[in-house]
Protein backbone atom coordinates (compact mmCIF):
# COMPACT_ATOMS: atom_id res chain seq x y z
CA MET A 1 141.88 -95.07 40.49
CA PHE A 2 144.49 -97.86 40.73
CA TYR A 3 144.63 -100.96 43.37
CA HIS A 4 148.12 -102.65 43.61
CA VAL A 5 147.77 -106.45 44.32
CA LYS A 6 150.95 -107.60 45.69
CA GLU A 7 151.37 -110.74 43.50
CA LEU A 8 152.79 -110.46 40.10
CA GLN A 9 150.72 -110.93 36.97
CA PHE A 10 153.16 -113.77 35.92
CA ASN A 11 155.39 -115.68 38.42
CA ALA A 12 158.58 -114.37 37.71
CA ARG A 13 161.30 -116.13 38.65
CA VAL A 14 165.42 -116.17 38.30
CA SER A 15 167.99 -119.71 38.80
CA LYS A 16 170.49 -117.80 40.21
CA PRO A 17 172.09 -114.05 40.52
CA ASP A 18 173.01 -112.47 36.71
CA PRO A 19 174.09 -109.27 37.53
CA ARG A 20 175.76 -108.35 33.61
CA PHE A 21 172.10 -110.22 32.47
CA ALA A 22 169.92 -107.39 34.90
CA ARG A 23 172.12 -104.80 33.08
CA LEU A 24 170.51 -105.78 29.76
CA LEU A 25 167.24 -106.05 31.07
CA LEU A 26 166.93 -102.16 31.80
CA GLU A 27 166.33 -101.77 28.45
CA GLN A 28 162.81 -102.58 28.96
CA PHE A 29 162.49 -101.17 32.43
CA GLY A 30 163.00 -97.83 31.39
CA GLY A 31 164.27 -97.83 27.57
CA GLY A 32 162.94 -96.00 25.10
CA ASN A 33 161.30 -99.68 23.92
CA GLY A 34 160.30 -100.74 27.40
CA GLU A 35 157.19 -101.33 29.95
CA LEU A 36 157.03 -97.73 31.62
CA LYS A 37 157.16 -96.12 27.74
CA ALA A 38 154.15 -98.21 26.51
CA ALA A 39 152.42 -98.27 30.30
CA MET A 40 152.72 -93.96 29.74
CA GLN A 41 151.69 -94.07 26.13
CA TYR A 42 148.57 -95.72 26.16
CA PHE A 43 147.84 -94.02 29.24
CA VAL A 44 148.04 -90.20 27.99
CA GLN A 45 146.88 -91.54 25.01
CA ALA A 46 143.69 -92.55 26.96
CA PHE A 47 142.80 -88.95 28.02
CA ALA A 48 141.53 -87.69 24.51
CA CYS A 49 139.32 -90.78 24.28
CA LYS A 50 137.61 -90.27 27.04
CA ASN A 51 134.19 -88.92 25.71
CA PRO A 52 134.16 -89.69 21.89
CA TYR A 53 135.94 -93.34 22.26
CA PRO A 54 134.90 -94.62 25.58
CA ASP A 55 135.29 -97.98 24.12
CA LYS A 56 138.70 -96.73 23.63
CA TYR A 57 139.12 -95.26 26.63
CA ASP A 58 138.75 -98.58 28.55
CA LEU A 59 141.53 -100.28 26.16
CA LEU A 60 143.61 -97.80 26.81
CA MET A 61 143.70 -97.87 30.21
CA ASP A 62 143.34 -101.19 30.43
CA ILE A 63 146.34 -102.16 28.38
CA ALA A 64 148.36 -99.41 30.14
CA THR A 65 147.58 -100.61 33.35
CA GLU A 66 148.88 -104.08 32.74
CA GLU A 67 151.74 -102.32 31.30
CA PHE A 68 153.02 -100.94 34.39
CA SER A 69 152.08 -104.91 35.73
CA HIS A 70 155.28 -105.98 33.61
CA LEU A 71 157.13 -103.00 34.52
CA GLU A 72 156.86 -104.96 37.77
CA ILE A 73 157.29 -107.90 36.79
CA VAL A 74 160.66 -106.34 34.86
CA GLY A 75 162.10 -105.02 38.42
CA ALA A 76 161.44 -108.02 39.52
CA THR A 77 163.36 -110.01 37.61
CA ILE A 78 165.98 -107.81 37.41
CA GLN A 79 166.02 -107.12 41.28
CA MET A 80 166.61 -111.01 41.73
CA LEU A 81 169.49 -110.64 39.08
CA LEU A 82 170.85 -108.84 41.37
CA SER A 83 170.05 -110.63 44.73
CA GLY A 84 173.15 -110.60 46.98
CA VAL A 85 174.79 -107.31 45.59
CA ASN A 86 173.38 -104.92 47.28
CA GLY A 87 174.01 -106.35 50.84
CA GLU A 88 177.59 -107.24 49.33
CA LEU A 89 178.20 -103.46 48.20
CA LYS A 90 177.59 -102.56 51.73
CA ASN A 91 179.99 -104.61 53.02
CA ALA A 92 183.87 -103.91 52.20
CA ALA A 93 185.53 -107.73 52.64
CA GLU A 94 186.46 -108.98 50.02
CA SER A 95 185.63 -112.78 50.81
CA GLU A 96 182.29 -112.14 51.07
CA ASP A 97 179.65 -114.17 48.39
CA ILE A 98 179.67 -111.32 45.89
CA MET A 99 182.58 -112.52 45.26
CA GLN A 100 181.96 -116.03 45.07
CA MET A 101 179.52 -115.08 42.65
CA LEU A 102 181.52 -113.42 40.78
CA ASP A 103 183.60 -116.27 40.61
CA GLY A 104 187.31 -114.78 41.17
CA LYS A 105 190.00 -111.76 40.15
CA ALA A 106 188.13 -111.86 36.46
CA ALA A 107 185.15 -111.89 36.93
CA LYS A 108 184.98 -108.98 39.54
CA GLU A 109 187.54 -107.14 37.21
CA GLY A 110 184.59 -107.59 34.74
CA PHE A 111 181.90 -106.81 37.06
CA ILE A 112 183.44 -103.39 37.79
CA HIS A 113 184.47 -102.28 34.29
CA GLU A 114 180.62 -103.03 33.84
CA ALA A 115 179.82 -100.85 36.52
CA MET A 116 182.15 -98.41 35.36
CA ILE A 117 180.57 -98.52 31.98
CA ASN A 118 177.09 -97.98 33.97
CA PRO A 119 177.72 -96.71 37.16
CA GLN A 120 174.19 -95.38 38.16
CA PHE A 121 173.54 -99.22 38.13
CA CYS A 122 175.69 -100.85 40.45
CA VAL A 123 176.60 -98.08 41.61
CA LEU A 124 174.78 -94.96 42.11
CA SER A 125 172.07 -97.54 42.83
CA GLY A 126 173.75 -99.58 45.08
CA GLY A 127 172.17 -103.08 43.79
CA GLY A 128 168.53 -101.95 42.60
CA PRO A 129 166.75 -101.22 38.64
CA MET A 130 167.02 -97.64 37.72
CA LEU A 131 164.59 -95.80 35.22
CA THR A 132 167.59 -96.25 32.43
CA ASP A 133 168.26 -98.03 29.67
CA SER A 134 170.95 -100.66 29.60
CA ASN A 135 173.27 -97.85 28.90
CA GLY A 136 172.30 -96.20 31.99
CA ASN A 137 170.45 -93.23 29.81
CA PRO A 138 167.62 -91.83 31.99
CA TRP A 139 164.19 -92.58 31.22
CA THR A 140 162.39 -89.78 29.23
CA ALA A 141 159.07 -88.43 28.20
CA ASN A 142 160.49 -87.67 24.68
CA TYR A 143 160.10 -91.96 24.20
CA LEU A 144 155.92 -91.44 24.29
CA ASN A 145 153.78 -90.96 21.33
CA ALA A 146 150.81 -89.00 21.91
CA ASN A 147 149.34 -87.31 18.83
CA GLY A 148 145.18 -86.68 19.82
CA ASP A 149 144.12 -88.63 16.97
CA LEU A 150 143.29 -92.49 17.68
CA THR A 151 144.13 -93.69 13.96
CA VAL A 152 147.48 -92.00 14.19
CA ASP A 153 147.92 -93.14 17.96
CA LEU A 154 146.67 -96.76 17.40
CA ARG A 155 149.28 -97.13 14.76
CA SER A 156 152.17 -96.00 16.94
CA ASN A 157 151.07 -98.48 19.59
CA ILE A 158 151.11 -101.11 16.95
CA ALA A 159 154.42 -99.95 16.26
CA ALA A 160 155.52 -99.50 19.71
CA GLU A 161 154.20 -103.46 20.71
CA SER A 162 155.98 -105.03 17.54
CA ARG A 163 159.79 -102.71 18.83
CA ALA A 164 159.00 -104.32 22.34
CA LYS A 165 158.08 -107.72 21.24
CA ILE A 166 161.43 -108.03 19.02
CA VAL A 167 163.42 -106.98 22.18
CA TYR A 168 162.57 -109.45 23.76
CA GLU A 169 163.02 -111.68 21.50
CA TYR A 170 166.29 -109.91 21.55
CA LEU A 171 166.82 -110.51 25.02
CA MET A 172 166.32 -114.73 25.04
CA LYS A 173 169.58 -115.04 22.93
CA PHE A 174 171.63 -113.55 26.54
CA THR A 175 170.09 -115.82 29.20
CA ASP A 176 170.37 -119.30 29.62
CA ASP A 177 167.97 -118.99 32.98
CA PRO A 178 164.76 -121.48 31.95
CA TYR A 179 162.79 -119.45 34.49
CA VAL A 180 164.05 -115.86 33.20
CA LYS A 181 163.48 -117.29 29.36
CA GLU A 182 160.12 -118.10 30.60
CA THR A 183 159.22 -115.24 32.20
CA LEU A 184 160.38 -113.31 28.75
CA ARG A 185 158.92 -115.36 26.59
CA PHE A 186 155.42 -114.20 28.52
CA LEU A 187 155.58 -110.58 28.31
CA MET A 188 156.91 -111.17 24.41
CA THR A 189 153.47 -112.76 24.20
CA ARG A 190 151.69 -109.95 26.01
CA GLU A 191 152.64 -107.82 23.31
CA VAL A 192 151.97 -109.73 20.94
CA ALA A 193 148.08 -109.62 21.90
CA HIS A 194 148.09 -105.98 22.82
CA TYR A 195 149.21 -105.35 18.60
CA GLN A 196 146.36 -107.75 17.96
CA GLN A 197 143.86 -105.85 20.52
CA PHE A 198 145.07 -102.65 18.99
CA GLU A 199 144.96 -103.56 15.21
CA ALA A 200 141.09 -105.05 16.28
CA ALA A 201 140.73 -101.23 17.33
CA LEU A 202 141.68 -99.70 14.45
CA SER A 203 139.60 -101.20 12.50
CA THR A 204 136.48 -100.22 14.14
CA ILE A 205 137.12 -97.02 13.17
CA GLN A 206 135.94 -96.18 9.47
CA PRO A 207 137.38 -94.33 7.37
CA ASN A 208 140.93 -94.82 9.01
CA PHE A 209 143.64 -94.19 6.40
CA PRO A 210 144.88 -91.98 5.74
CA PRO A 211 145.71 -91.80 9.46
CA GLY A 212 143.95 -88.18 10.90
CA VAL A 213 141.25 -86.41 8.67
CA LEU A 214 142.37 -84.94 5.46
CA GLN A 215 143.12 -86.59 2.29
CA SER A 216 145.78 -87.05 0.68
CA ASP A 217 146.57 -85.34 -2.98
CA PRO A 218 146.03 -87.49 -6.33
CA ARG A 219 148.70 -85.82 -8.08
CA TYR A 220 151.45 -87.25 -5.56
CA SER A 221 149.74 -90.01 -4.00
CA ASN A 222 150.69 -92.67 -6.10
CA GLN A 223 154.13 -91.40 -7.26
CA TYR A 224 157.31 -93.78 -6.85
CA PHE A 225 160.56 -91.89 -7.00
CA ASN A 226 163.83 -93.91 -8.56
CA MET A 227 166.39 -92.22 -6.38
CA SER A 228 168.71 -94.81 -6.72
CA SER A 229 171.63 -95.49 -9.71
CA GLY A 230 171.75 -98.85 -10.73
CA SER A 231 169.56 -101.60 -10.81
CA GLU A 232 165.86 -100.89 -10.14
CA ALA A 233 163.94 -102.70 -7.69
CA LYS A 234 160.25 -103.51 -8.27
CA GLY A 235 157.72 -105.17 -6.21
CA PRO A 236 153.87 -103.89 -5.21
CA TRP A 237 155.51 -101.12 -3.26
CA ASN A 238 156.12 -99.48 -6.80
CA GLU A 239 154.02 -101.54 -8.97
CA GLY A 240 150.47 -102.34 -9.77
CA THR A 241 148.17 -100.95 -7.36
CA SER A 242 148.69 -99.14 -3.66
CA SER A 243 146.98 -101.19 -0.72
CA GLN A 244 145.25 -99.00 0.72
CA LEU A 245 143.59 -96.40 -1.84
CA GLY A 246 143.68 -99.15 -5.01
CA GLU A 247 145.78 -96.38 -7.39
CA GLN A 248 148.08 -97.49 -10.00
CA TRP A 249 152.00 -96.80 -9.20
CA GLN A 250 153.65 -93.98 -10.95
CA TYR A 251 157.67 -95.32 -11.15
CA ILE A 252 159.24 -92.24 -12.12
CA GLN A 253 162.27 -93.27 -13.79
CA ASP A 254 164.51 -89.43 -14.03
CA PRO A 255 163.00 -87.98 -10.64
CA LEU A 256 165.59 -84.82 -11.95
CA ASP A 257 163.82 -84.67 -15.68
CA ALA A 258 160.25 -84.57 -13.45
CA VAL A 259 160.94 -82.03 -11.48
CA THR A 260 161.99 -80.20 -13.99
CA SER A 261 159.69 -80.16 -16.42
CA THR A 262 156.88 -79.40 -13.98
CA GLU A 263 158.43 -76.31 -12.25
CA GLY A 264 158.63 -78.20 -9.35
CA LEU A 265 156.13 -81.16 -9.73
CA THR A 266 153.26 -78.02 -9.18
CA SER A 267 152.42 -78.95 -12.82
CA VAL A 268 152.02 -82.45 -12.61
CA GLN A 269 148.38 -84.02 -13.29
CA PRO A 270 146.96 -87.05 -11.34
CA THR A 271 147.05 -90.04 -13.12
CA GLY A 272 146.18 -93.71 -12.37
CA THR A 273 143.54 -92.81 -9.85
CA ASP A 274 139.92 -91.65 -10.21
CA ARG A 275 140.27 -89.56 -7.65
CA THR A 276 140.44 -85.76 -8.54
CA GLU A 277 141.00 -82.63 -6.34
CA LYS A 278 137.59 -82.16 -6.33
CA THR A 279 136.85 -85.28 -4.58
CA VAL A 280 139.22 -84.80 -2.13
CA ALA A 281 137.83 -81.64 -1.37
CA LYS A 282 134.53 -83.03 -0.62
CA MET A 283 135.82 -86.17 1.70
CA ASN A 284 137.77 -83.63 3.41
CA LYS A 285 134.79 -81.51 3.99
CA ALA A 286 132.53 -84.63 5.38
CA LEU A 287 135.44 -86.42 7.51
CA SER A 288 136.56 -83.58 9.09
CA GLU A 289 133.03 -82.51 10.76
CA GLU A 290 132.19 -86.46 11.08
CA ARG A 291 134.89 -86.39 13.14
CA SER A 292 134.06 -83.24 14.75
CA ALA A 293 131.11 -83.84 15.53
CA GLU A 294 131.90 -86.71 17.47
CA VAL A 295 134.32 -84.91 19.96
CA LYS A 296 131.64 -82.38 20.57
CA SER A 297 128.83 -84.26 20.86
CA ALA A 298 130.57 -85.96 23.23
CA THR A 299 131.51 -83.32 25.10
CA PRO A 300 130.09 -81.03 27.34
CA VAL A 301 131.52 -77.57 28.14
CA LYS A 302 129.36 -77.15 31.32
CA ASP A 303 129.12 -79.21 34.48
CA ILE A 304 131.75 -80.91 33.56
CA GLN A 305 132.96 -84.05 35.59
CA TRP A 306 135.17 -86.97 34.61
CA SER A 307 133.59 -89.84 36.57
CA THR A 308 129.79 -90.61 37.12
CA TYR A 309 128.56 -92.71 40.18
CA SER A 310 126.20 -93.93 39.99
CA GLU A 311 123.10 -93.65 42.83
CA ALA A 312 122.92 -97.41 43.64
CA LYS A 313 126.34 -97.75 43.69
CA VAL A 314 126.31 -94.67 46.01
CA ASP A 315 123.37 -96.36 48.12
CA ASP A 316 125.35 -99.26 48.85
CA THR A 317 128.42 -97.48 49.79
CA ARG A 318 126.48 -96.23 52.46
CA LYS A 319 124.69 -99.29 53.53
CA LYS A 320 128.65 -99.98 53.78
CA SER A 321 129.67 -97.62 55.77
CA LYS A 322 127.03 -97.93 58.31
């Protein structure tokens, strides 16, 4: 159940109208890294968590709902930045306030030019936010990542919060309005908070690497292929031990020779790792059974209902209705 409170979560304000920045801000309203994308992604992911991971269901629904409130903040800010545009678009007189706001012929031509680049924004919408990115591309569910495996989804969410954070960081460079910057800084900060919350949730699922259930093949999990000619860059990604599995990286100096000499890597033997095909198969079986049991034990197959209403709450409701 959603309950809308008219007051915004953050007191969004603008110093003066700015149609050009309003267009840029559309990126966080209907763009691929925007607030609607985040809200819908976490909302969709939550359904698969309801029974096996009720605590993660709460987390995802809480953050999804907060993202809807952030969408409202962004939409409200866009509308304030467009103050006067909607009314003046309905007024044919060129001497009206919008022309003064645009400061003469040159500014007017620039505004028309931007409207032509993104006609949905200033022509079709009549001066209000639309579910598009800053170039007028419509919002699409293709933006969402929901794989039905919580360890995968939480990693997607960490990445989503990172991308949204950097977009706000970039947007702050394109406005001098202190009120707008204050709003963007709030929204950027909440991305940082959500990143940590998803990261903390992921850490409570053990084991959680690699993502999913099946372990990686020990013949190939620690190989680094030198696919570039010239100087060889070295670092912890191709020398020393790997971050999660603790295997010794094997630097393949000549990938072509490695492929041809092993008949397409089919005769490779694991090196630099204690893992074997036998231990991997054992881990695959154990983790598969564990994850399957979690879901099955928490998921009823008959007399199914989504919500549980306690008798106390039902009685209280009845008393209030009398």
